[in-house]
């Protein structure tokens, strides 16, 4: 059986735990915009012509993007229509291969970002 010693000073323990909690900084407008896209449908066009559509889960400093429930669409060069999608599930899209991103917002308007 373990016994915890208490020196009778209960305020000291709470001060230490408060100092360990990070202080939230004010978020930049770009970070707020990025966070507003979380769990939204996103369409990514890649340098090789593929189009990925999925749910935006996260990104990093290298502009890599993680999409959930992702499907890949291939576009024929001879035709303007796209083929049947290939289901990928969870996909990581390298940032240097991204040509454009469209985010489907709740207001049914699309925002295009380069």
PDB file of N, CA and C in Angstrom:
ATOM      1  N   UNK A   1       0.847  -1.163   0.000  1.00  0.00           N
ATOM      2  CA  UNK A   1       0.000   0.000   0.000  1.00  0.00           C
ATOM      3  C   UNK A   1       0.893   1.226   0.000  1.00  0.00           C
ATOM      4  N   UNK A   2       0.584   2.181  -0.861  1.00  0.00           N
ATOM      5  CA  UNK A   2       1.356   3.415  -0.952  1.00  0.00           C
ATOM      6  C   UNK A   2       0.696   4.476  -0.091  1.00  0.00           C
ATOM      7  N   UNK A   3       1.526   5.216   0.614  1.00  0.00           N
ATOM      8  CA  UNK A   3       1.038   6.302   1.456  1.00  0.00           C
ATOM      9  C   UNK A   3       1.609   7.603   0.928  1.00  0.00           C
ATOM     10  N   UNK A   4       0.743   8.567   0.692  1.00  0.00           N
ATOM     11  CA  UNK A   4       1.187   9.870   0.234  1.00  0.00           C
ATOM     12  C   UNK A   4       1.352  10.794   1.424  1.00  0.00           C
ATOM     13  N   UNK A   5       2.485  11.457   1.478  1.00  0.00           N
ATOM     14  CA  UNK A   5       2.744  12.389   2.571  1.00  0.00           C
ATOM     15  C   UNK A   5       2.159  13.740   2.220  1.00  0.00           C
ATOM     16  N   UNK A   6       1.551  14.392   3.192  1.00  0.00           N
ATOM     17  CA  UNK A   6       0.995  15.719   3.017  1.00  0.00           C
ATOM     18  C   UNK A   6       1.635  16.626   4.051  1.00  0.00           C
ATOM     19  N   UNK A   7       2.284  17.689   3.570  1.00  0.00           N
ATOM     20  CA  UNK A   7       2.957  18.588   4.504  1.00  0.00           C
ATOM     21  C   UNK A   7       2.002  19.632   5.079  1.00  0.00           C
ATOM     22  N   UNK A   8       0.728  19.557   4.726  1.00  0.00           N
ATOM     23  CA  UNK A   8      -0.244  20.483   5.269  1.00  0.00           C
ATOM     24  C   UNK A   8      -0.406  21.754   4.470  1.00  0.00           C
ATOM     25  N   UNK A   9       0.455  22.000   3.491  1.00  0.00           N
ATOM     26  CA  UNK A   9       0.363  23.204   2.687  1.00  0.00           C
ATOM     27  C   UNK A   9      -0.310  22.847   1.366  1.00  0.00           C
ATOM     28  N   UNK A  10      -1.623  23.027   1.293  1.00  0.00           N
ATOM     29  CA  UNK A  10      -2.379  22.627   0.102  1.00  0.00           C
ATOM     30  C   UNK A  10      -2.281  23.655  -1.006  1.00  0.00           C
ATOM     31  N   UNK A  11      -1.959  24.889  -0.713  1.00  0.00           N
ATOM     32  CA  UNK A  11      -1.874  25.925  -1.747  1.00  0.00           C
ATOM     33  C   UNK A  11      -0.663  25.734  -2.651  1.00  0.00           C
ATOM     34  N   UNK A  12       0.408  25.167  -2.111  1.00  0.00           N
ATOM     35  CA  UNK A  12       1.628  25.010  -2.886  1.00  0.00           C
ATOM     36  C   UNK A  12       1.416  24.084  -4.076  1.00  0.00           C
ATOM     37  N   UNK A  13       0.680  23.010  -3.892  1.00  0.00           N
ATOM     38  CA  UNK A  13       0.434  22.067  -4.982  1.00  0.00           C
ATOM     39  C   UNK A  13      -0.377  22.680  -6.098  1.00  0.00           C
ATOM     40  N   UNK A  14      -1.344  23.517  -5.775  1.00  0.00           N
ATOM     41  CA  UNK A  14      -2.154  24.137  -6.827  1.00  0.00           C
ATOM     42  C   UNK A  14      -1.368  25.190  -7.586  1.00  0.00           C
ATOM     43  N   UNK A  15      -0.458  25.883  -6.910  1.00  0.00           N
ATOM     44  CA  UNK A  15       0.357  26.883  -7.609  1.00  0.00           C
ATOM     45  C   UNK A  15       1.274  26.216  -8.622  1.00  0.00           C
ATOM     46  N   UNK A  16       1.830  25.069  -8.260  1.00  0.00           N
ATOM     47  CA  UNK A  16       2.706  24.366  -9.187  1.00  0.00           C
ATOM     48  C   UNK A  16       1.937  23.892 -10.402  1.00  0.00           C
ATOM     49  N   UNK A  17       0.737  23.355 -10.197  1.00  0.00           N
ATOM     50  CA  UNK A  17      -0.034  22.857 -11.331  1.00  0.00           C
ATOM     51  C   UNK A  17      -0.507  24.001 -12.216  1.00  0.00           C
ATOM     52  N   UNK A  18      -0.775  25.171 -11.623  1.00  0.00           N
ATOM     53  CA  UNK A  18      -1.178  26.320 -12.426  1.00  0.00           C
ATOM     54  C   UNK A  18      -0.015  26.819 -13.281  1.00  0.00           C
ATOM     55  N   UNK A  19       1.198  26.756 -12.758  1.00  0.00           N
ATOM     56  CA  UNK A  19       2.348  27.232 -13.517  1.00  0.00           C
ATOM     57  C   UNK A  19       2.706  26.271 -14.640  1.00  0.00           C
ATOM     58  N   UNK A  20       2.303  25.011 -14.546  1.00  0.00           N
ATOM     59  CA  UNK A  20       2.587  24.044 -15.595  1.00  0.00           C
ATOM     60  C   UNK A  20       1.629  24.183 -16.781  1.00  0.00           C
ATOM     61  N   UNK A  21       0.471  24.775 -16.563  1.00  0.00           N
ATOM     62  CA  UNK A  21      -0.503  24.951 -17.643  1.00  0.00           C
ATOM     63  C   UNK A  21      -0.026  26.065 -18.575  1.00  0.00           C
ATOM     64  N   UNK A  22       0.018  25.783 -19.881  1.00  0.00           N
ATOM     65  CA  UNK A  22       0.448  26.833 -20.806  1.00  0.00           C
ATOM     66  C   UNK A  22      -0.602  27.933 -20.901  1.00  0.00           C
ATOM     67  N   UNK A  23      -0.124  29.141 -21.048  1.00  0.00           N
ATOM     68  CA  UNK A  23      -1.010  30.284 -21.191  1.00  0.00           C
ATOM     69  C   UNK A  23      -1.388  30.366 -22.666  1.00  0.00           C
ATOM     70  N   UNK A  24      -2.699  30.434 -22.938  1.00  0.00           N
ATOM     71  CA  UNK A  24      -3.149  30.495 -24.323  1.00  0.00           C
ATOM     72  C   UNK A  24      -2.863  31.871 -24.907  1.00  0.00           C
ATOM     73  N   UNK A  25      -2.184  31.864 -26.050  1.00  0.00           N
ATOM     74  CA  UNK A  25      -1.908  33.099 -26.752  1.00  0.00           C
ATOM     75  C   UNK A  25      -3.085  33.406 -27.664  1.00  0.00           C
ATOM     76  N   UNK A  26      -3.166  34.659 -28.059  1.00  0.00           N
ATOM     77  CA  UNK A  26      -4.192  35.041 -29.020  1.00  0.00           C
ATOM     78  C   UNK A  26      -3.831  34.422 -30.367  1.00  0.00           C
ATOM     79  N   UNK A  27      -4.792  33.788 -31.021  1.00  0.00           N
ATOM     80  CA  UNK A  27      -4.552  33.100 -32.282  1.00  0.00           C
ATOM     81  C   UNK A  27      -4.589  34.096 -33.432  1.00  0.00           C
ATOM     82  N   UNK A  28      -3.680  33.890 -34.383  1.00  0.00           N
ATOM     83  CA  UNK A  28      -3.633  34.763 -35.554  1.00  0.00           C
ATOM     84  C   UNK A  28      -4.855  34.500 -36.434  1.00  0.00           C
ATOM     85  N   UNK A  29      -5.227  35.464 -37.266  1.00  0.00           N
ATOM     86  CA  UNK A  29      -6.379  35.264 -38.158  1.00  0.00           C
ATOM     87  C   UNK A  29      -6.196  34.081 -39.105  1.00  0.00           C
ATOM     88  N   UNK A  30      -4.966  33.846 -39.562  1.00  0.00           N
ATOM     89  CA  UNK A  30      -4.723  32.716 -40.455  1.00  0.00           C
ATOM     90  C   UNK A  30      -4.915  31.386 -39.734  1.00  0.00           C
ATOM     91  N   UNK A  31      -4.473  31.318 -38.480  1.00  0.00           N
ATOM     92  CA  UNK A  31      -4.673  30.091 -37.709  1.00  0.00           C
ATOM     93  C   UNK A  31      -6.157  29.864 -37.438  1.00  0.00           C
ATOM     94  N   UNK A  32      -6.891  30.930 -37.139  1.00  0.00           N
ATOM     95  CA  UNK A  32      -8.329  30.811 -36.921  1.00  0.00           C
ATOM     96  C   UNK A  32      -9.015  30.306 -38.182  1.00  0.00           C
ATOM     97  N   UNK A  33      -8.603  30.810 -39.345  1.00  0.00           N
ATOM     98  CA  UNK A  33      -9.172  30.373 -40.617  1.00  0.00           C
ATOM     99  C   UNK A  33      -8.901  28.893 -40.829  1.00  0.00           C
ATOM    100  N   UNK A  34      -7.662  28.476 -40.578  1.00  0.00           N
ATOM    101  CA  UNK A  34      -7.280  27.084 -40.734  1.00  0.00           C
ATOM    102  C   UNK A  34      -8.089  26.185 -39.798  1.00  0.00           C
ATOM    103  N   UNK A  35      -8.264  26.609 -38.552  1.00  0.00           N
ATOM    104  CA  UNK A  35      -9.041  25.829 -37.592  1.00  0.00           C
ATOM    105  C   UNK A  35     -10.522  25.769 -37.972  1.00  0.00           C
ATOM    106  N   UNK A  36     -11.019  26.796 -38.659  1.00  0.00           N
ATOM    107  CA  UNK A  36     -12.420  26.773 -39.086  1.00  0.00           C
ATOM    108  C   UNK A  36     -12.651  25.744 -40.194  1.00  0.00           C
ATOM    109  N   UNK A  37     -11.588  25.326 -40.878  1.00  0.00           N
ATOM    110  CA  UNK A  37     -11.715  24.322 -41.930  1.00  0.00           C
ATOM    111  C   UNK A  37     -11.703  22.896 -41.394  1.00  0.00           C
ATOM    112  N   UNK A  38     -11.355  22.700 -40.130  1.00  0.00           N
ATOM    113  CA  UNK A  38     -11.306  21.350 -39.571  1.00  0.00           C
ATOM    114  C   UNK A  38     -12.652  20.647 -39.723  1.00  0.00           C
ATOM    115  N   UNK A  39     -12.604  19.385 -40.109  1.00  0.00           N
ATOM    116  CA  UNK A  39     -13.774  18.519 -40.289  1.00  0.00           C
ATOM    117  C   UNK A  39     -14.711  18.993 -41.397  1.00  0.00           C
ATOM    118  N   UNK A  40     -14.211  19.801 -42.319  1.00  0.00           N
ATOM    119  CA  UNK A  40     -14.984  20.231 -43.486  1.00  0.00           C
ATOM    120  C   UNK A  40     -14.525  19.421 -44.701  1.00  0.00           C
ATOM    121  N   UNK A  41     -15.407  19.292 -45.680  1.00  0.00           N
ATOM    122  CA  UNK A  41     -15.026  18.628 -46.926  1.00  0.00           C
ATOM    123  C   UNK A  41     -14.039  19.494 -47.683  1.00  0.00           C
ATOM    124  N   UNK A  42     -13.011  18.850 -48.210  1.00  0.00           N
ATOM    125  CA  UNK A  42     -11.943  19.560 -48.889  1.00  0.00           C
ATOM    126  C   UNK A  42     -11.612  18.840 -50.194  1.00  0.00           C
ATOM    127  N   UNK A  43     -11.406  19.617 -51.242  1.00  0.00           N
ATOM    128  CA  UNK A  43     -11.012  19.087 -52.546  1.00  0.00           C
ATOM    129  C   UNK A  43      -9.610  19.592 -52.849  1.00  0.00           C
ATOM    130  N   UNK A  44      -8.687  18.668 -53.098  1.00  0.00           N
ATOM    131  CA  UNK A  44      -7.295  19.020 -53.361  1.00  0.00           C
ATOM    132  C   UNK A  44      -6.924  18.540 -54.759  1.00  0.00           C
ATOM    133  N   UNK A  45      -6.432  19.467 -55.581  1.00  0.00           N
ATOM    134  CA  UNK A  45      -5.904  19.110 -56.900  1.00  0.00           C
ATOM    135  C   UNK A  45      -4.393  18.995 -56.775  1.00  0.00           C
ATOM    136  N   UNK A  46      -3.856  17.903 -57.353  1.00  0.00           N
ATOM    137  CA  UNK A  46      -2.426  17.624 -57.232  1.00  0.00           C
ATOM    138  C   UNK A  46      -1.705  17.876 -58.554  1.00  0.00           C
ATOM    139  N   UNK A  47      -0.380  17.968 -58.493  1.00  0.00           N
ATOM    140  CA  UNK A  47       0.439  18.282 -59.663  1.00  0.00           C
ATOM    141  C   UNK A  47       0.316  17.229 -60.756  1.00  0.00           C
ATOM    142  N   UNK A  48       0.021  15.984 -60.424  1.00  0.00           N
ATOM    143  CA  UNK A  48      -0.082  14.922 -61.430  1.00  0.00           C
ATOM    144  C   UNK A  48      -1.493  14.775 -62.000  1.00  0.00           C
ATOM    145  N   UNK A  49      -2.402  15.706 -61.646  1.00  0.00           N
ATOM    146  CA  UNK A  49      -3.744  15.688 -62.208  1.00  0.00           C
ATOM    147  C   UNK A  49      -4.780  14.980 -61.366  1.00  0.00           C
ATOM    148  N   UNK A  50      -4.356  14.307 -60.317  1.00  0.00           N
ATOM    149  CA  UNK A  50      -5.321  13.636 -59.447  1.00  0.00           C
ATOM    150  C   UNK A  50      -6.072  14.653 -58.610  1.00  0.00           C
ATOM    151  N   UNK A  51      -7.292  14.292 -58.238  1.00  0.00           N
ATOM    152  CA  UNK A  51      -8.115  15.122 -57.360  1.00  0.00           C
ATOM    153  C   UNK A  51      -8.504  14.262 -56.165  1.00  0.00           C
ATOM    154  N   UNK A  52      -8.244  14.766 -54.964  1.00  0.00           N
ATOM    155  CA  UNK A  52      -8.591  14.064 -53.739  1.00  0.00           C
ATOM    156  C   UNK A  52      -9.694  14.835 -53.031  1.00  0.00           C
ATOM    157  N   UNK A  53     -10.715  14.123 -52.604  1.00  0.00           N
ATOM    158  CA  UNK A  53     -11.811  14.734 -51.861  1.00  0.00           C
ATOM    159  C   UNK A  53     -11.969  13.971 -50.562  1.00  0.00           C
ATOM    160  N   UNK A  54     -11.930  14.707 -49.444  1.00  0.00           N
ATOM    161  CA  UNK A  54     -12.056  14.080 -48.137  1.00  0.00           C
ATOM    162  C   UNK A  54     -12.294  15.124 -47.068  1.00  0.00           C
ATOM    163  N   UNK A  55     -12.245  14.675 -45.828  1.00  0.00           N
ATOM    164  CA  UNK A  55     -12.476  15.538 -44.677  1.00  0.00           C
ATOM    165  C   UNK A  55     -11.129  16.016 -44.145  1.00  0.00           C
ATOM    166  N   UNK A  56     -10.979  17.337 -44.038  1.00  0.00           N
ATOM    167  CA  UNK A  56      -9.726  17.934 -43.565  1.00  0.00           C
ATOM    168  C   UNK A  56      -9.545  17.640 -42.080  1.00  0.00           C
ATOM    169  N   UNK A  57      -8.455  16.938 -41.748  1.00  0.00           N
ATOM    170  CA  UNK A  57      -8.184  16.581 -40.361  1.00  0.00           C
ATOM    171  C   UNK A  57      -7.042  17.377 -39.754  1.00  0.00           C
ATOM    172  N   UNK A  58      -5.958  17.577 -40.501  1.00  0.00           N
ATOM    173  CA  UNK A  58      -4.849  18.363 -39.959  1.00  0.00           C
ATOM    174  C   UNK A  58      -3.848  18.713 -41.050  1.00  0.00           C
ATOM    175  N   UNK A  59      -2.935  19.586 -40.689  1.00  0.00           N
ATOM    176  CA  UNK A  59      -1.840  19.975 -41.570  1.00  0.00           C
ATOM    177  C   UNK A  59      -0.606  20.241 -40.708  1.00  0.00           C
ATOM    178  N   UNK A  60       0.523  20.492 -41.358  1.00  0.00           N
ATOM    179  CA  UNK A  60       1.742  20.801 -40.611  1.00  0.00           C
ATOM    180  C   UNK A  60       2.465  21.960 -41.276  1.00  0.00           C
ATOM    181  N   UNK A  61       3.650  22.269 -40.777  1.00  0.00           N
ATOM    182  CA  UNK A  61       4.402  23.421 -41.282  1.00  0.00           C
ATOM    183  C   UNK A  61       4.887  23.232 -42.710  1.00  0.00           C
ATOM    184  N   UNK A  62       4.992  21.987 -43.153  1.00  0.00           N
ATOM    185  CA  UNK A  62       5.435  21.703 -44.515  1.00  0.00           C
ATOM    186  C   UNK A  62       4.273  21.674 -45.498  1.00  0.00           C
ATOM    187  N   UNK A  63       3.094  22.082 -45.056  1.00  0.00           N
ATOM    188  CA  UNK A  63       1.869  22.128 -45.857  1.00  0.00           C
ATOM    189  C   UNK A  63       1.340  20.755 -46.220  1.00  0.00           C
ATOM    190  N   UNK A  64       1.822  19.687 -45.568  1.00  0.00           N
ATOM    191  CA  UNK A  64       1.244  18.372 -45.766  1.00  0.00           C
ATOM    192  C   UNK A  64      -0.159  18.391 -45.179  1.00  0.00           C
ATOM    193  N   UNK A  65      -1.083  17.691 -45.813  1.00  0.00           N
ATOM    194  CA  UNK A  65      -2.475  17.692 -45.386  1.00  0.00           C
ATOM    195  C   UNK A  65      -2.926  16.252 -45.151  1.00  0.00           C
ATOM    196  N   UNK A  66      -3.656  16.026 -44.078  1.00  0.00           N
ATOM    197  CA  UNK A  66      -4.253  14.725 -43.797  1.00  0.00           C
ATOM    198  C   UNK A  66      -5.745  14.822 -44.080  1.00  0.00           C
ATOM    199  N   UNK A  67      -6.242  13.931 -44.953  1.00  0.00           N
ATOM    200  CA  UNK A  67      -7.665  13.856 -45.276  1.00  0.00           C
ATOM    201  C   UNK A  67      -8.214  12.523 -44.787  1.00  0.00           C
ATOM    202  N   UNK A  68      -9.378  12.561 -44.162  1.00  0.00           N
ATOM    203  CA  UNK A  68     -10.068  11.347 -43.750  1.00  0.00           C
ATOM    204  C   UNK A  68     -11.192  11.043 -44.718  1.00  0.00           C
ATOM    205  N   UNK A  69     -11.592   9.788 -44.802  1.00  0.00           N
ATOM    206  CA  UNK A  69     -12.653   9.349 -45.723  1.00  0.00           C
ATOM    207  C   UNK A  69     -12.376   9.867 -47.125  1.00  0.00           C
ATOM    208  N   UNK A  70     -11.161   9.702 -47.559  1.00  0.00           N
ATOM    209  CA  UNK A  70     -10.679  10.295 -48.807  1.00  0.00           C
ATOM    210  C   UNK A  70     -10.969   9.391 -50.008  1.00  0.00           C
ATOM    211  N   UNK A  71     -11.308  10.030 -51.124  1.00  0.00           N
ATOM    212  CA  UNK A  71     -11.479   9.335 -52.401  1.00  0.00           C
ATOM    213  C   UNK A  71     -10.612  10.034 -53.440  1.00  0.00           C
ATOM    214  N   UNK A  72     -10.025   9.221 -54.333  1.00  0.00           N
ATOM    215  CA  UNK A  72      -9.139   9.741 -55.373  1.00  0.00           C
ATOM    216  C   UNK A  72      -9.850   9.658 -56.719  1.00  0.00           C
ATOM    217  N   UNK A  73      -9.818  10.756 -57.464  1.00  0.00           N
ATOM    218  CA  UNK A  73     -10.423  10.819 -58.785  1.00  0.00           C
ATOM    219  C   UNK A  73      -9.334  11.073 -59.810  1.00  0.00           C
ATOM    220  N   UNK A  74      -9.342  10.286 -60.880  1.00  0.00           N
ATOM    221  CA  UNK A  74      -8.391  10.484 -61.965  1.00  0.00           C
ATOM    222  C   UNK A  74      -9.120  11.124 -63.127  1.00  0.00           C
ATOM    223  N   UNK A  75      -8.491  12.113 -63.740  1.00  0.00           N
ATOM    224  CA  UNK A  75      -9.100  12.794 -64.873  1.00  0.00           C
ATOM    225  C   UNK A  75      -8.397  12.343 -66.144  1.00  0.00           C
ATOM    226  N   UNK A  76      -9.191  11.866 -67.105  1.00  0.00           N
ATOM    227  CA  UNK A  76      -8.624  11.468 -68.392  1.00  0.00           C
ATOM    228  C   UNK A  76      -8.182  12.699 -69.155  1.00  0.00           C
ATOM    229  N   UNK A  77      -7.044  12.603 -69.815  1.00  0.00           N
ATOM    230  CA  UNK A  77      -6.547  13.737 -70.608  1.00  0.00           C
ATOM    231  C   UNK A  77      -7.424  13.970 -71.825  1.00  0.00           C
ATOM    232  N   UNK A  78      -7.982  12.895 -72.400  1.00  0.00           N
ATOM    233  CA  UNK A  78      -8.799  13.033 -73.599  1.00  0.00           C
ATOM    234  C   UNK A  78     -10.216  13.499 -73.287  1.00  0.00           C
ATOM    235  N   UNK A  79     -10.681  13.223 -72.080  1.00  0.00           N
ATOM    236  CA  UNK A  79     -12.045  13.588 -71.691  1.00  0.00           C
ATOM    237  C   UNK A  79     -12.013  14.592 -70.548  1.00  0.00           C
ATOM    238  N   UNK A  80     -13.080  15.357 -70.430  1.00  0.00           N
ATOM    239  CA  UNK A  80     -13.199  16.297 -69.319  1.00  0.00           C
ATOM    240  C   UNK A  80     -13.813  15.635 -68.082  1.00  0.00           C
ATOM    241  N   UNK A  81     -14.467  14.491 -68.266  1.00  0.00           N
ATOM    242  CA  UNK A  81     -15.120  13.817 -67.136  1.00  0.00           C
ATOM    243  C   UNK A  81     -14.108  13.028 -66.329  1.00  0.00           C
ATOM    244  N   UNK A  82     -14.479  12.739 -65.089  1.00  0.00           N
ATOM    245  CA  UNK A  82     -13.598  11.980 -64.205  1.00  0.00           C
ATOM    246  C   UNK A  82     -14.076  10.535 -64.113  1.00  0.00           C
ATOM    247  N   UNK A  83     -13.150   9.633 -63.828  1.00  0.00           N
ATOM    248  CA  UNK A  83     -13.472   8.216 -63.679  1.00  0.00           C
ATOM    249  C   UNK A  83     -14.093   7.954 -62.312  1.00  0.00           C
ATOM    250  N   UNK A  84     -14.459   6.702 -62.100  1.00  0.00           N
ATOM    251  CA  UNK A  84     -14.983   6.283 -60.800  1.00  0.00           C
ATOM    252  C   UNK A  84     -13.916   6.523 -59.732  1.00  0.00           C
ATOM    253  N   UNK A  85     -14.337   6.925 -58.539  1.00  0.00           N
ATOM    254  CA  UNK A  85     -13.339   7.203 -57.491  1.00  0.00           C
ATOM    255  C   UNK A  85     -12.732   5.928 -56.924  1.00  0.00           C
ATOM    256  N   UNK A  86     -11.518   6.065 -56.447  1.00  0.00           N
ATOM    257  CA  UNK A  86     -10.849   4.993 -55.715  1.00  0.00           C
ATOM    258  C   UNK A  86     -10.832   5.412 -54.255  1.00  0.00           C
ATOM    259  N   UNK A  87     -11.368   4.581 -53.383  1.00  0.00           N
ATOM    260  CA  UNK A  87     -11.448   4.912 -51.961  1.00  0.00           C
ATOM    261  C   UNK A  87     -10.080   4.697 -51.316  1.00  0.00           C
ATOM    262  N   UNK A  88      -9.567   5.760 -50.679  1.00  0.00           N
ATOM    263  CA  UNK A  88      -8.269   5.694 -50.009  1.00  0.00           C
ATOM    264  C   UNK A  88      -8.405   5.591 -48.497  1.00  0.00           C
ATOM    265  N   UNK A  89      -9.471   6.143 -47.944  1.00  0.00           N
ATOM    266  CA  UNK A  89      -9.622   6.186 -46.491  1.00  0.00           C
ATOM    267  C   UNK A  89      -8.840   7.357 -45.937  1.00  0.00           C
ATOM    268  N   UNK A  90      -7.867   7.095 -45.081  1.00  0.00           N
ATOM    269  CA  UNK A  90      -7.020   8.132 -44.497  1.00  0.00           C
ATOM    270  C   UNK A  90      -5.826   8.354 -45.420  1.00  0.00           C
ATOM    271  N   UNK A  91      -5.605   9.600 -45.844  1.00  0.00           N
ATOM    272  CA  UNK A  91      -4.536   9.883 -46.801  1.00  0.00           C
ATOM    273  C   UNK A  91      -3.732  11.097 -46.380  1.00  0.00           C
ATOM    274  N   UNK A  92      -2.418  11.019 -46.595  1.00  0.00           N
ATOM    275  CA  UNK A  92      -1.536  12.151 -46.367  1.00  0.00           C
ATOM    276  C   UNK A  92      -1.122  12.686 -47.733  1.00  0.00           C
ATOM    277  N   UNK A  93      -1.380  13.969 -47.955  1.00  0.00           N
ATOM    278  CA  UNK A  93      -1.057  14.611 -49.228  1.00  0.00           C
ATOM    279  C   UNK A  93       0.173  15.483 -49.006  1.00  0.00           C
ATOM    280  N   UNK A  94       1.286  15.185 -49.692  1.00  0.00           N
ATOM    281  CA  UNK A  94       2.478  16.010 -49.529  1.00  0.00           C
ATOM    282  C   UNK A  94       2.223  17.444 -50.006  1.00  0.00           C
ATOM    283  N   UNK A  95       2.646  18.400 -49.205  1.00  0.00           N
ATOM    284  CA  UNK A  95       2.384  19.800 -49.508  1.00  0.00           C
ATOM    285  C   UNK A  95       2.960  20.272 -50.816  1.00  0.00           C
ATOM    286  N   UNK A  96       4.116  19.751 -51.228  1.00  0.00           N
ATOM    287  CA  UNK A  96       4.735  20.212 -52.467  1.00  0.00           C
ATOM    288  C   UNK A  96       4.018  19.685 -53.712  1.00  0.00           C
ATOM    289  N   UNK A  97       3.064  18.756 -53.556  1.00  0.00           N
ATOM    290  CA  UNK A  97       2.283  18.243 -54.684  1.00  0.00           C
ATOM    291  C   UNK A  97       0.917  18.910 -54.805  1.00  0.00           C
ATOM    292  N   UNK A  98       0.573  19.800 -53.885  1.00  0.00           N
ATOM    293  CA  UNK A  98      -0.745  20.441 -53.902  1.00  0.00           C
ATOM    294  C   UNK A  98      -0.724  21.637 -54.843  1.00  0.00           C
ATOM    295  N   UNK A  99      -1.681  21.653 -55.778  1.00  0.00           N
ATOM    296  CA  UNK A  99      -1.829  22.769 -56.715  1.00  0.00           C
ATOM    297  C   UNK A  99      -2.885  23.734 -56.194  1.00  0.00           C
ATOM    298  N   UNK A 100      -4.042  23.203 -55.783  1.00  0.00           N
ATOM    299  CA  UNK A 100      -5.100  24.065 -55.254  1.00  0.00           C
ATOM    300  C   UNK A 100      -5.933  23.299 -54.239  1.00  0.00           C
ATOM    301  N   UNK A 101      -6.594  24.072 -53.379  1.00  0.00           N
ATOM    302  CA  UNK A 101      -7.456  23.522 -52.333  1.00  0.00           C
ATOM    303  C   UNK A 101      -8.776  24.277 -52.365  1.00  0.00           C
ATOM    304  N   UNK A 102      -9.866  23.538 -52.295  1.00  0.00           N
ATOM    305  CA  UNK A 102     -11.186  24.141 -52.157  1.00  0.00           C
ATOM    306  C   UNK A 102     -11.818  23.572 -50.897  1.00  0.00           C
ATOM    307  N   UNK A 103     -12.393  24.447 -50.080  1.00  0.00           N
ATOM    308  CA  UNK A 103     -13.036  24.027 -48.838  1.00  0.00           C
ATOM    309  C   UNK A 103     -14.520  24.296 -48.960  1.00  0.00           C
ATOM    310  N   UNK A 104     -15.327  23.278 -48.672  1.00  0.00           N
ATOM    311  CA  UNK A 104     -16.781  23.417 -48.715  1.00  0.00           C
ATOM    312  C   UNK A 104     -17.238  23.916 -47.350  1.00  0.00           C
ATOM    313  N   UNK A 105     -17.704  25.162 -47.284  1.00  0.00           N
ATOM    314  CA  UNK A 105     -18.134  25.721 -46.007  1.00  0.00           C
ATOM    315  C   UNK A 105     -19.598  25.407 -45.750  1.00  0.00           C
ATOM    316  N   UNK A 106     -20.070  25.724 -44.562  1.00  0.00           N
ATOM    317  CA  UNK A 106     -21.460  25.474 -44.182  1.00  0.00           C
ATOM    318  C   UNK A 106     -22.440  26.299 -45.005  1.00  0.00           C
ATOM    319  N   UNK A 107     -21.979  27.405 -45.569  1.00  0.00           N
ATOM    320  CA  UNK A 107     -22.856  28.292 -46.322  1.00  0.00           C
ATOM    321  C   UNK A 107     -22.966  27.886 -47.788  1.00  0.00           C
ATOM    322  N   UNK A 108     -22.439  26.729 -48.130  1.00  0.00           N
ATOM    323  CA  UNK A 108     -22.494  26.187 -49.488  1.00  0.00           C
ATOM    324  C   UNK A 108     -21.758  27.055 -50.485  1.00  0.00           C
ATOM    325  N   UNK A 109     -20.784  27.825 -50.027  1.00  0.00           N
ATOM    326  CA  UNK A 109     -19.934  28.581 -50.942  1.00  0.00           C
ATOM    327  C   UNK A 109     -18.535  27.983 -50.864  1.00  0.00           C
ATOM    328  N   UNK A 110     -17.857  27.938 -51.970  1.00  0.00           N
ATOM    329  CA  UNK A 110     -16.514  27.353 -52.004  1.00  0.00           C
ATOM    330  C   UNK A 110     -15.474  28.451 -51.930  1.00  0.00           C
ATOM    331  N   UNK A 111     -14.431  28.173 -51.178  1.00  0.00           N
ATOM    332  CA  UNK A 111     -13.319  29.101 -51.032  1.00  0.00           C
ATOM    333  C   UNK A 111     -12.126  28.424 -51.678  1.00  0.00           C
ATOM    334  N   UNK A 112     -11.471  29.107 -52.598  1.00  0.00           N
ATOM    335  CA  UNK A 112     -10.302  28.532 -53.245  1.00  0.00           C
ATOM    336  C   UNK A 112      -9.052  29.205 -52.689  1.00  0.00           C
ATOM    337  N   UNK A 113      -8.095  28.366 -52.312  1.00  0.00           N
ATOM    338  CA  UNK A 113      -6.859  28.864 -51.718  1.00  0.00           C
ATOM    339  C   UNK A 113      -5.707  28.256 -52.487  1.00  0.00           C
ATOM    340  N   UNK A 114      -4.681  29.024 -52.741  1.00  0.00           N
ATOM    341  CA  UNK A 114      -3.514  28.502 -53.454  1.00  0.00           C
ATOM    342  C   UNK A 114      -2.445  28.121 -52.498  1.00  0.00           C
TER     343      UNK A 114
END
